[in-house]
Each structure stands twice: as C-alpha cells, then as structure tokens.
Amino acid sequence: MATPVQTVTRTVKPLLSLNRDEARRRVFNLYKAWIRQVPLILMDYEIPKNEQDLKRKIREEFQKNAHVKDIRALDMLVIKGQMELKEVVEKFKNKGALMFYFKDTVEPKPTDFLGKFMSGHDP
C-alpha cells in the first residue's frame, strides 16, 4: 500500500519588505539617495569624472541586478547598497576604491612579453 505524498512548504521570514511593491520602493529610494549624493561625492573625492559619468555608473550598477525578483534577495542588495553608500558618504572608502567601479571589467590578458611587462603580469 502506497503512502500519500505530502508537500512541505516553508515560509521564510522577510528581511525588510513584506511584498514586491515595498521592495521596489526601497530600491528606488536607495537609487535616489545615491543620485542625491553625486555632487558631494565629486567634491569630497575629487575624482576625474563629471556628474553625468557618475550618474551613469550608478544607473549601470543598479541595472546589473534588474533581473532579481526574489524579495529577500532584493532586500539583501538594498542593505548592501546602503552600507556602500554610507562608506562613501562617511569617507571610509579611498579614491582608488571608488575609481575601481570605473575600471573596465572585460580586459584581454596580454600574451606577448612586452604586454605582460607593461600590465604587471609575470612573463
């Protein structure tokens, strides 16, 4: 005699948001907070970028995670974004760490000796 199959559902506790609309609102509020800080970031860090470059990079970083639909994952990304913003505003990050965001992510590795030497790789 076969036993009936039971489906088990597990409810997880939300981190911050109770529904998708609330999570979306938190993302937009974080984005607005970043955009509001752009002039102060430029003044404090004196990086060789203008406002449009910085706003474009902020938008690009937010759009990297546009595919995320899970509310808990969105909340976690918002928390990390808030921590990052606080680090930038409180000047815990140095200029190099901030400029790292503008580094091209896809960089072909040199294969010849001179290319490796110029980029700092071992031959």
C-alpha atoms as a PDB file:
ATOM      1  CA  MET A   1       0.000   0.000   0.000  1.00  0.00           C
ATOM      2  CA  ALA A   2       1.419   3.399  -1.055  1.00  0.00           C
ATOM      3  CA  THR A   3       1.704   6.247   1.381  1.00  0.00           C
ATOM      4  CA  PRO A   4       0.356   9.631   0.346  1.00  0.00           C
ATOM      5  CA  VAL A   5       2.934  12.189  -0.641  1.00  0.00           C
ATOM      6  CA  GLN A   6       2.964  15.331   1.424  1.00  0.00           C
ATOM      7  CA  THR A   7       4.156  18.624   0.091  1.00  0.00           C
ATOM      8  CA  VAL A   8       6.020  20.713   2.537  1.00  0.00           C
ATOM      9  CA  THR A   9       6.062  24.458   2.165  1.00  0.00           C
ATOM     10  CA  ARG A  10       8.307  26.558   4.239  1.00  0.00           C
ATOM     11  CA  THR A  11       7.599  30.174   4.918  1.00  0.00           C
ATOM     12  CA  VAL A  12      10.635  32.339   5.305  1.00  0.00           C
ATOM     13  CA  LYS A  13      10.804  35.460   7.364  1.00  0.00           C
ATOM     14  CA  PRO A  14      11.218  38.656   5.303  1.00  0.00           C
ATOM     15  CA  LEU A  15      14.328  40.738   5.820  1.00  0.00           C
ATOM     16  CA  LEU A  16      12.802  44.180   5.299  1.00  0.00           C
ATOM     17  CA  SER A  17       9.995  44.130   2.750  1.00  0.00           C
ATOM     18  CA  LEU A  18       6.719  42.296   3.084  1.00  0.00           C
ATOM     19  CA  ASN A  19       5.807  42.407  -0.603  1.00  0.00           C
ATOM     20  CA  ARG A  20       7.278  43.191  -4.018  1.00  0.00           C
ATOM     21  CA  ASP A  21       5.968  46.788  -4.088  1.00  0.00           C
ATOM     22  CA  GLU A  22       7.660  47.608  -0.807  1.00  0.00           C
ATOM     23  CA  ALA A  23      10.935  46.079  -2.014  1.00  0.00           C
ATOM     24  CA  ARG A  24      10.692  48.079  -5.241  1.00  0.00           C
ATOM     25  CA  ARG A  25      10.091  51.273  -3.268  1.00  0.00           C
ATOM     26  CA  ARG A  26      13.200  50.581  -1.181  1.00  0.00           C
ATOM     27  CA  VAL A  27      15.284  50.115  -4.337  1.00  0.00           C
ATOM     28  CA  PHE A  28      14.040  53.422  -5.780  1.00  0.00           C
ATOM     29  CA  ASN A  29      14.707  55.227  -2.501  1.00  0.00           C
ATOM     30  CA  LEU A  30      18.257  53.870  -2.429  1.00  0.00           C
ATOM     31  CA  TYR A  31      18.782  54.929  -6.043  1.00  0.00           C
ATOM     32  CA  LYS A  32      17.537  58.444  -5.261  1.00  0.00           C
ATOM     33  CA  ALA A  33      19.828  58.620  -2.222  1.00  0.00           C
ATOM     34  CA  TRP A  34      22.830  57.712  -4.386  1.00  0.00           C
ATOM     35  CA  ILE A  35      21.884  60.304  -7.009  1.00  0.00           C
ATOM     36  CA  ARG A  36      21.458  63.000  -4.335  1.00  0.00           C
ATOM     37  CA  GLN A  37      24.991  62.303  -3.084  1.00  0.00           C
ATOM     38  CA  VAL A  38      26.672  62.675  -6.502  1.00  0.00           C
ATOM     39  CA  PRO A  39      27.692  66.358  -6.127  1.00  0.00           C
ATOM     40  CA  LEU A  40      29.057  65.708  -2.638  1.00  0.00           C
ATOM     41  CA  ILE A  41      30.951  62.624  -3.791  1.00  0.00           C
ATOM     42  CA  LEU A  42      32.580  64.630  -6.570  1.00  0.00           C
ATOM     43  CA  MET A  43      33.502  67.393  -4.154  1.00  0.00           C
ATOM     44  CA  ASP A  44      34.830  65.086  -1.408  1.00  0.00           C
ATOM     45  CA  TYR A  45      36.790  62.631  -3.532  1.00  0.00           C
ATOM     46  CA  GLU A  46      37.974  64.902  -6.366  1.00  0.00           C
ATOM     47  CA  ILE A  47      37.800  62.086  -8.907  1.00  0.00           C
ATOM     48  CA  PRO A  48      38.386  62.833 -12.605  1.00  0.00           C
ATOM     49  CA  LYS A  49      34.737  62.219 -13.528  1.00  0.00           C
ATOM     50  CA  ASN A  50      31.781  64.530 -14.014  1.00  0.00           C
ATOM     51  CA  GLU A  51      28.208  64.277 -12.738  1.00  0.00           C
ATOM     52  CA  GLN A  52      26.898  62.530 -15.838  1.00  0.00           C
ATOM     53  CA  ASP A  53      29.615  59.861 -15.653  1.00  0.00           C
ATOM     54  CA  LEU A  54      28.899  59.172 -12.005  1.00  0.00           C
ATOM     55  CA  LYS A  55      25.121  59.048 -12.504  1.00  0.00           C
ATOM     56  CA  ARG A  56      25.564  56.748 -15.491  1.00  0.00           C
ATOM     57  CA  LYS A  57      27.749  54.395 -13.430  1.00  0.00           C
ATOM     58  CA  ILE A  58      25.229  54.366 -10.560  1.00  0.00           C
ATOM     59  CA  ARG A  59      22.432  53.511 -13.001  1.00  0.00           C
ATOM     60  CA  GLU A  60      24.579  50.786 -14.558  1.00  0.00           C
ATOM     61  CA  GLU A  61      25.279  49.228 -11.153  1.00  0.00           C
ATOM     62  CA  PHE A  62      21.565  49.204 -10.321  1.00  0.00           C
ATOM     63  CA  GLN A  63      20.663  47.712 -13.704  1.00  0.00           C
ATOM     64  CA  LYS A  64      23.105  44.838 -13.151  1.00  0.00           C
ATOM     65  CA  ASN A  65      20.600  43.466 -10.641  1.00  0.00           C
ATOM     66  CA  ALA A  66      17.404  44.328 -12.537  1.00  0.00           C
ATOM     67  CA  HIS A  67      16.748  40.624 -13.132  1.00  0.00           C
ATOM     68  CA  VAL A  68      16.424  39.859  -9.386  1.00  0.00           C
ATOM     69  CA  LYS A  69      12.808  39.118  -8.459  1.00  0.00           C
ATOM     70  CA  ASP A  70      13.154  37.435  -5.053  1.00  0.00           C
ATOM     71  CA  ILE A  71      12.105  39.833  -2.291  1.00  0.00           C
ATOM     72  CA  ARG A  72      14.706  38.586   0.185  1.00  0.00           C
ATOM     73  CA  ALA A  73      17.471  38.919  -2.406  1.00  0.00           C
ATOM     74  CA  LEU A  74      16.296  42.439  -3.249  1.00  0.00           C
ATOM     75  CA  ASP A  75      16.315  43.356   0.425  1.00  0.00           C
ATOM     76  CA  MET A  76      19.830  41.990   0.799  1.00  0.00           C
ATOM     77  CA  LEU A  77      21.015  44.012  -2.203  1.00  0.00           C
ATOM     78  CA  VAL A  78      19.386  47.131  -0.743  1.00  0.00           C
ATOM     79  CA  ILE A  79      21.139  46.557   2.584  1.00  0.00           C
ATOM     80  CA  LYS A  80      24.492  46.156   0.808  1.00  0.00           C
ATOM     81  CA  GLY A  81      23.799  49.276  -1.254  1.00  0.00           C
ATOM     82  CA  GLN A  82      23.014  51.261   1.886  1.00  0.00           C
ATOM     83  CA  MET A  83      26.230  50.074   3.513  1.00  0.00           C
ATOM     84  CA  GLU A  84      28.182  51.031   0.395  1.00  0.00           C
ATOM     85  CA  LEU A  85      26.569  54.481   0.342  1.00  0.00           C
ATOM     86  CA  LYS A  86      27.390  55.011   4.000  1.00  0.00           C
ATOM     87  CA  GLU A  87      31.016  54.038   3.357  1.00  0.00           C
ATOM     88  CA  VAL A  88      31.231  56.554   0.524  1.00  0.00           C
ATOM     89  CA  VAL A  89      29.475  59.367   2.406  1.00  0.00           C
ATOM     90  CA  GLU A  90      31.475  58.858   5.602  1.00  0.00           C
ATOM     91  CA  LYS A  91      34.677  58.728   3.503  1.00  0.00           C
ATOM     92  CA  PHE A  92      35.610  55.243   4.661  1.00  0.00           C
ATOM     93  CA  LYS A  93      36.455  54.393   1.056  1.00  0.00           C
ATOM     94  CA  ASN A  94      39.515  55.870  -0.544  1.00  0.00           C
ATOM     95  CA  LYS A  95      39.681  57.409  -4.005  1.00  0.00           C
ATOM     96  CA  GLY A  96      41.137  54.251  -5.568  1.00  0.00           C
ATOM     97  CA  ALA A  97      38.318  52.068  -4.265  1.00  0.00           C
ATOM     98  CA  LEU A  98      35.786  54.459  -5.749  1.00  0.00           C
ATOM     99  CA  MET A  99      37.587  54.606  -9.086  1.00  0.00           C
ATOM    100  CA  PHE A 100      37.621  50.788  -9.206  1.00  0.00           C
ATOM    101  CA  TYR A 101      33.975  50.931 -10.299  1.00  0.00           C
ATOM    102  CA  PHE A 102      35.048  52.699 -13.483  1.00  0.00           C
ATOM    103  CA  LYS A 103      37.588  50.020 -14.390  1.00  0.00           C
ATOM    104  CA  ASP A 104      36.638  48.016 -17.451  1.00  0.00           C
ATOM    105  CA  THR A 105      35.574  44.572 -16.331  1.00  0.00           C
ATOM    106  CA  VAL A 106      36.489  42.773 -19.542  1.00  0.00           C
ATOM    107  CA  GLU A 107      40.173  43.180 -20.152  1.00  0.00           C
ATOM    108  CA  PRO A 108      42.033  40.881 -22.521  1.00  0.00           C
ATOM    109  CA  LYS A 109      45.124  39.404 -20.943  1.00  0.00           C
ATOM    110  CA  PRO A 110      48.327  40.150 -22.819  1.00  0.00           C
ATOM    111  CA  THR A 111      50.105  37.202 -24.377  1.00  0.00           C
ATOM    112  CA  ASP A 112      53.387  38.723 -25.511  1.00  0.00           C
ATOM    113  CA  PHE A 113      56.303  39.565 -23.221  1.00  0.00           C
ATOM    114  CA  LEU A 114      56.090  43.340 -23.589  1.00  0.00           C
ATOM    115  CA  GLY A 115      52.320  43.374 -22.995  1.00  0.00           C
ATOM    116  CA  LYS A 116      52.729  41.308 -19.821  1.00  0.00           C
ATOM    117  CA  PHE A 117      55.565  43.525 -18.665  1.00  0.00           C
ATOM    118  CA  MET A 118      53.541  46.714 -19.155  1.00  0.00           C
ATOM    119  CA  SER A 119      50.470  45.341 -17.370  1.00  0.00           C
ATOM    120  CA  GLY A 120      52.482  43.913 -14.452  1.00  0.00           C
ATOM    121  CA  HIS A 121      51.917  40.201 -15.114  1.00  0.00           C
ATOM    122  CA  ASP A 122      54.641  37.607 -14.759  1.00  0.00           C
ATOM    123  CA  PRO A 123      56.163  36.535 -18.110  1.00  0.00           C
END
